[in-house]
């Protein structure tokens, strides 16, 4: 799952424009990624100019 650093996001919409599955919803104050629709293609992570998005580390238990 893609992780969001909501404190860094300036809500520019770059991630939304590169998502091929329309999995990202953006408003003036929130950014949400739909875990069902997201295929983790990483387009949003690569495109984000502020490095707000990242891969969530996998925790082995």
PDB file of N, CA and C in Angstrom:
ATOM      1  N   UNK A   1       0.838  -1.178   0.000  1.00  0.00           N
ATOM      2  CA  UNK A   1       0.000   0.000   0.000  1.00  0.00           C
ATOM      3  C   UNK A   1       0.884   1.243   0.000  1.00  0.00           C
ATOM      4  N   UNK A   2       0.444   2.250  -0.692  1.00  0.00           N
ATOM      5  CA  UNK A   2       1.165   3.511  -0.765  1.00  0.00           C
ATOM      6  C   UNK A   2       0.917   4.303   0.515  1.00  0.00           C
ATOM      7  N   UNK A   3       1.968   4.830   1.084  1.00  0.00           N
ATOM      8  CA  UNK A   3       1.891   5.610   2.309  1.00  0.00           C
ATOM      9  C   UNK A   3       1.895   7.095   1.956  1.00  0.00           C
ATOM     10  N   UNK A   4       1.120   7.891   2.691  1.00  0.00           N
ATOM     11  CA  UNK A   4       0.995   9.330   2.436  1.00  0.00           C
ATOM     12  C   UNK A   4       1.509  10.101   3.650  1.00  0.00           C
ATOM     13  N   UNK A   5       2.437  11.027   3.411  1.00  0.00           N
ATOM     14  CA  UNK A   5       2.861  11.947   4.469  1.00  0.00           C
ATOM     15  C   UNK A   5       1.999  13.195   4.321  1.00  0.00           C
ATOM     16  N   UNK A   6       0.868  13.202   5.013  1.00  0.00           N
ATOM     17  CA  UNK A   6      -0.124  14.258   4.842  1.00  0.00           C
ATOM     18  C   UNK A   6       0.366  15.628   5.297  1.00  0.00           C
ATOM     19  N   UNK A   7       1.418  15.657   6.101  1.00  0.00           N
ATOM     20  CA  UNK A   7       1.937  16.933   6.577  1.00  0.00           C
ATOM     21  C   UNK A   7       2.802  17.631   5.526  1.00  0.00           C
ATOM     22  N   UNK A   8       3.297  16.883   4.544  1.00  0.00           N
ATOM     23  CA  UNK A   8       4.123  17.464   3.484  1.00  0.00           C
ATOM     24  C   UNK A   8       3.321  17.847   2.245  1.00  0.00           C
ATOM     25  N   UNK A   9       2.174  17.245   2.060  1.00  0.00           N
ATOM     26  CA  UNK A   9       1.388  17.413   0.837  1.00  0.00           C
ATOM     27  C   UNK A   9       0.889  18.842   0.673  1.00  0.00           C
ATOM     28  N   UNK A  10       1.094  19.397  -0.538  1.00  0.00           N
ATOM     29  CA  UNK A  10       0.553  20.737  -0.824  1.00  0.00           C
ATOM     30  C   UNK A  10      -0.671  20.648  -1.739  1.00  0.00           C
ATOM     31  N   UNK A  11      -1.162  19.433  -1.957  1.00  0.00           N
ATOM     32  CA  UNK A  11      -2.394  19.166  -2.702  1.00  0.00           C
ATOM     33  C   UNK A  11      -2.332  19.700  -4.134  1.00  0.00           C
ATOM     34  N   UNK A  12      -1.170  19.506  -4.785  1.00  0.00           N
ATOM     35  CA  UNK A  12      -0.963  20.005  -6.151  1.00  0.00           C
ATOM     36  C   UNK A  12      -1.723  19.203  -7.199  1.00  0.00           C
ATOM     37  N   UNK A  13      -1.999  17.912  -6.925  1.00  0.00           N
ATOM     38  CA  UNK A  13      -2.746  17.088  -7.859  1.00  0.00           C
ATOM     39  C   UNK A  13      -1.910  16.320  -8.865  1.00  0.00           C
ATOM     40  N   UNK A  14      -0.594  16.405  -8.766  1.00  0.00           N
ATOM     41  CA  UNK A  14       0.267  15.684  -9.699  1.00  0.00           C
ATOM     42  C   UNK A  14       0.009  14.183  -9.629  1.00  0.00           C
ATOM     43  N   UNK A  15      -0.143  13.655  -8.442  1.00  0.00           N
ATOM     44  CA  UNK A  15      -0.377  12.218  -8.275  1.00  0.00           C
ATOM     45  C   UNK A  15      -1.684  11.785  -8.931  1.00  0.00           C
ATOM     46  N   UNK A  16      -2.694  12.613  -8.815  1.00  0.00           N
ATOM     47  CA  UNK A  16      -4.000  12.304  -9.400  1.00  0.00           C
ATOM     48  C   UNK A  16      -3.893  12.224 -10.921  1.00  0.00           C
ATOM     49  N   UNK A  17      -3.136  13.138 -11.501  1.00  0.00           N
ATOM     50  CA  UNK A  17      -3.046  13.202 -12.966  1.00  0.00           C
ATOM     51  C   UNK A  17      -2.296  12.018 -13.570  1.00  0.00           C
ATOM     52  N   UNK A  18      -1.445  11.336 -12.798  1.00  0.00           N
ATOM     53  CA  UNK A  18      -0.679  10.210 -13.346  1.00  0.00           C
ATOM     54  C   UNK A  18      -1.244   8.845 -12.969  1.00  0.00           C
ATOM     55  N   UNK A  19      -2.276   8.813 -12.142  1.00  0.00           N
ATOM     56  CA  UNK A  19      -2.854   7.539 -11.714  1.00  0.00           C
ATOM     57  C   UNK A  19      -3.730   6.959 -12.830  1.00  0.00           C
ATOM     58  N   UNK A  20      -3.345   5.796 -13.380  1.00  0.00           N
ATOM     59  CA  UNK A  20      -4.119   5.216 -14.482  1.00  0.00           C
ATOM     60  C   UNK A  20      -5.434   4.569 -14.051  1.00  0.00           C
ATOM     61  N   UNK A  21      -5.649   4.429 -12.751  1.00  0.00           N
ATOM     62  CA  UNK A  21      -6.839   3.734 -12.261  1.00  0.00           C
ATOM     63  C   UNK A  21      -7.784   4.636 -11.465  1.00  0.00           C
ATOM     64  N   UNK A  22      -7.522   5.937 -11.472  1.00  0.00           N
ATOM     65  CA  UNK A  22      -8.346   6.894 -10.723  1.00  0.00           C
ATOM     66  C   UNK A  22      -8.520   6.464  -9.269  1.00  0.00           C
ATOM     67  N   UNK A  23      -7.428   6.008  -8.660  1.00  0.00           N
ATOM     68  CA  UNK A  23      -7.473   5.507  -7.287  1.00  0.00           C
ATOM     69  C   UNK A  23      -7.210   6.589  -6.250  1.00  0.00           C
ATOM     70  N   UNK A  24      -6.892   7.810  -6.697  1.00  0.00           N
ATOM     71  CA  UNK A  24      -6.538   8.877  -5.765  1.00  0.00           C
ATOM     72  C   UNK A  24      -7.611   9.952  -5.774  1.00  0.00           C
ATOM     73  N   UNK A  25      -8.076  10.292  -4.586  1.00  0.00           N
ATOM     74  CA  UNK A  25      -9.061  11.355  -4.446  1.00  0.00           C
ATOM     75  C   UNK A  25      -8.410  12.511  -3.697  1.00  0.00           C
ATOM     76  N   UNK A  26      -8.540  13.691  -4.264  1.00  0.00           N
ATOM     77  CA  UNK A  26      -7.888  14.876  -3.723  1.00  0.00           C
ATOM     78  C   UNK A  26      -8.902  15.993  -3.533  1.00  0.00           C
ATOM     79  N   UNK A  27      -8.811  16.659  -2.390  1.00  0.00           N
ATOM     80  CA  UNK A  27      -9.602  17.866  -2.171  1.00  0.00           C
ATOM     81  C   UNK A  27      -8.619  18.955  -1.748  1.00  0.00           C
ATOM     82  N   UNK A  28      -9.117  20.065  -1.316  1.00  0.00           N
ATOM     83  CA  UNK A  28      -8.236  21.158  -0.893  1.00  0.00           C
ATOM     84  C   UNK A  28      -7.449  20.818   0.367  1.00  0.00           C
ATOM     85  N   UNK A  29      -7.932  19.869   1.149  1.00  0.00           N
ATOM     86  CA  UNK A  29      -7.279  19.561   2.425  1.00  0.00           C
ATOM     87  C   UNK A  29      -7.012  18.086   2.682  1.00  0.00           C
ATOM     88  N   UNK A  30      -7.392  17.206   1.765  1.00  0.00           N
ATOM     89  CA  UNK A  30      -7.169  15.774   1.988  1.00  0.00           C
ATOM     90  C   UNK A  30      -6.694  15.073   0.722  1.00  0.00           C
ATOM     91  N   UNK A  31      -5.958  14.002   0.935  1.00  0.00           N
ATOM     92  CA  UNK A  31      -5.494  13.132  -0.132  1.00  0.00           C
ATOM     93  C   UNK A  31      -5.754  11.707   0.322  1.00  0.00           C
ATOM     94  N   UNK A  32      -6.481  10.951  -0.465  1.00  0.00           N
ATOM     95  CA  UNK A  32      -6.827   9.575  -0.104  1.00  0.00           C
ATOM     96  C   UNK A  32      -6.522   8.661  -1.282  1.00  0.00           C
ATOM     97  N   UNK A  33      -6.007   7.480  -0.981  1.00  0.00           N
ATOM     98  CA  UNK A  33      -5.779   6.465  -2.008  1.00  0.00           C
ATOM     99  C   UNK A  33      -6.679   5.283  -1.700  1.00  0.00           C
ATOM    100  N   UNK A  34      -7.483   4.885  -2.677  1.00  0.00           N
ATOM    101  CA  UNK A  34      -8.393   3.751  -2.511  1.00  0.00           C
ATOM    102  C   UNK A  34      -7.584   2.458  -2.610  1.00  0.00           C
ATOM    103  N   UNK A  35      -7.473   1.705  -1.515  1.00  0.00           N
ATOM    104  CA  UNK A  35      -6.660   0.488  -1.534  1.00  0.00           C
ATOM    105  C   UNK A  35      -7.222  -0.611  -2.432  1.00  0.00           C
ATOM    106  N   UNK A  36      -8.498  -0.541  -2.754  1.00  0.00           N
ATOM    107  CA  UNK A  36      -9.111  -1.548  -3.622  1.00  0.00           C
ATOM    108  C   UNK A  36      -8.762  -1.265  -5.082  1.00  0.00           C
ATOM    109  N   UNK A  37      -8.819  -0.006  -5.465  1.00  0.00           N
ATOM    110  CA  UNK A  37      -8.570   0.386  -6.853  1.00  0.00           C
ATOM    111  C   UNK A  37      -7.083   0.503  -7.171  1.00  0.00           C
ATOM    112  N   UNK A  38      -6.279   0.869  -6.184  1.00  0.00           N
ATOM    113  CA  UNK A  38      -4.838   1.073  -6.383  1.00  0.00           C
ATOM    114  C   UNK A  38      -4.150  -0.255  -6.715  1.00  0.00           C
ATOM    115  N   UNK A  39      -3.357  -0.258  -7.784  1.00  0.00           N
ATOM    116  CA  UNK A  39      -2.602  -1.449  -8.174  1.00  0.00           C
ATOM    117  C   UNK A  39      -1.124  -1.326  -7.795  1.00  0.00           C
ATOM    118  N   UNK A  40      -0.784  -0.268  -7.076  1.00  0.00           N
ATOM    119  CA  UNK A  40       0.582  -0.003  -6.639  1.00  0.00           C
ATOM    120  C   UNK A  40       1.553   0.048  -7.820  1.00  0.00           C
ATOM    121  N   UNK A  41       1.130   0.729  -8.881  1.00  0.00           N
ATOM    122  CA  UNK A  41       1.981   0.874 -10.064  1.00  0.00           C
ATOM    123  C   UNK A  41       3.132   1.838  -9.821  1.00  0.00           C
ATOM    124  N   UNK A  42       3.031   2.627  -8.749  1.00  0.00           N
ATOM    125  CA  UNK A  42       4.065   3.562  -8.307  1.00  0.00           C
ATOM    126  C   UNK A  42       4.177   4.817  -9.158  1.00  0.00           C
ATOM    127  N   UNK A  43       3.268   5.025 -10.099  1.00  0.00           N
ATOM    128  CA  UNK A  43       3.291   6.256 -10.901  1.00  0.00           C
ATOM    129  C   UNK A  43       3.197   7.484 -10.003  1.00  0.00           C
ATOM    130  N   UNK A  44       2.338   7.437  -9.012  1.00  0.00           N
ATOM    131  CA  UNK A  44       2.150   8.585  -8.120  1.00  0.00           C
ATOM    132  C   UNK A  44       3.392   8.849  -7.280  1.00  0.00           C
ATOM    133  N   UNK A  45       4.018   7.781  -6.807  1.00  0.00           N
ATOM    134  CA  UNK A  45       5.227   7.918  -5.991  1.00  0.00           C
ATOM    135  C   UNK A  45       6.335   8.573  -6.804  1.00  0.00           C
ATOM    136  N   UNK A  46       6.501   8.127  -8.041  1.00  0.00           N
ATOM    137  CA  UNK A  46       7.548   8.675  -8.913  1.00  0.00           C
ATOM    138  C   UNK A  46       7.272  10.118  -9.313  1.00  0.00           C
ATOM    139  N   UNK A  47       6.008  10.474  -9.457  1.00  0.00           N
ATOM    140  CA  UNK A  47       5.649  11.800  -9.957  1.00  0.00           C
ATOM    141  C   UNK A  47       5.586  12.877  -8.879  1.00  0.00           C
ATOM    142  N   UNK A  48       5.422  12.507  -7.638  1.00  0.00           N
ATOM    143  CA  UNK A  48       5.226  13.488  -6.570  1.00  0.00           C
ATOM    144  C   UNK A  48       6.471  14.364  -6.390  1.00  0.00           C
ATOM    145  N   UNK A  49       6.334  15.673  -6.628  1.00  0.00           N
ATOM    146  CA  UNK A  49       7.489  16.562  -6.532  1.00  0.00           C
ATOM    147  C   UNK A  49       7.975  16.787  -5.097  1.00  0.00           C
ATOM    148  N   UNK A  50       7.129  16.521  -4.116  1.00  0.00           N
ATOM    149  CA  UNK A  50       7.505  16.751  -2.716  1.00  0.00           C
ATOM    150  C   UNK A  50       7.835  15.451  -1.973  1.00  0.00           C
ATOM    151  N   UNK A  51       7.812  14.317  -2.678  1.00  0.00           N
ATOM    152  CA  UNK A  51       8.087  13.010  -2.086  1.00  0.00           C
ATOM    153  C   UNK A  51       7.160  12.724  -0.906  1.00  0.00           C
ATOM    154  N   UNK A  52       5.891  13.055  -1.111  1.00  0.00           N
ATOM    155  CA  UNK A  52       4.860  12.840  -0.093  1.00  0.00           C
ATOM    156  C   UNK A  52       4.449  11.366  -0.051  1.00  0.00           C
ATOM    157  N   UNK A  53       4.523  10.698  -1.180  1.00  0.00           N
ATOM    158  CA  UNK A  53       4.078   9.315  -1.301  1.00  0.00           C
ATOM    159  C   UNK A  53       5.268   8.366  -1.302  1.00  0.00           C
ATOM    160  N   UNK A  54       5.084   7.214  -0.682  1.00  0.00           N
ATOM    161  CA  UNK A  54       6.152   6.216  -0.637  1.00  0.00           C
ATOM    162  C   UNK A  54       5.551   4.839  -0.465  1.00  0.00           C
ATOM    163  N   UNK A  55       6.379   3.838  -0.691  1.00  0.00           N
ATOM    164  CA  UNK A  55       5.938   2.467  -0.427  1.00  0.00           C
ATOM    165  C   UNK A  55       5.944   2.242   1.065  1.00  0.00           C
ATOM    166  N   UNK A  56       4.896   1.630   1.561  1.00  0.00           N
ATOM    167  CA  UNK A  56       4.844   1.317   2.981  1.00  0.00           C
ATOM    168  C   UNK A  56       5.764   0.115   3.254  1.00  0.00           C
ATOM    169  N   UNK A  57       6.585   0.206   4.276  1.00  0.00           N
ATOM    170  CA  UNK A  57       7.451  -0.944   4.577  1.00  0.00           C
ATOM    171  C   UNK A  57       6.633  -2.165   4.950  1.00  0.00           C
ATOM    172  N   UNK A  58       7.099  -3.316   4.540  1.00  0.00           N
ATOM    173  CA  UNK A  58       6.436  -4.583   4.863  1.00  0.00           C
ATOM    174  C   UNK A  58       6.941  -5.044   6.215  1.00  0.00           C
ATOM    175  N   UNK A  59       6.019  -5.326   7.130  1.00  0.00           N
ATOM    176  CA  UNK A  59       6.381  -5.783   8.476  1.00  0.00           C
ATOM    177  C   UNK A  59       6.167  -7.293   8.555  1.00  0.00           C
ATOM    178  N   UNK A  60       7.246  -8.029   8.726  1.00  0.00           N
ATOM    179  CA  UNK A  60       7.128  -9.480   8.861  1.00  0.00           C
ATOM    180  C   UNK A  60       6.841  -9.797  10.320  1.00  0.00           C
ATOM    181  N   UNK A  61       5.851 -10.655  10.537  1.00  0.00           N
ATOM    182  CA  UNK A  61       5.512 -11.047  11.915  1.00  0.00           C
ATOM    183  C   UNK A  61       5.585 -12.530  12.070  1.00  0.00           C
TER     184      UNK A  61
END
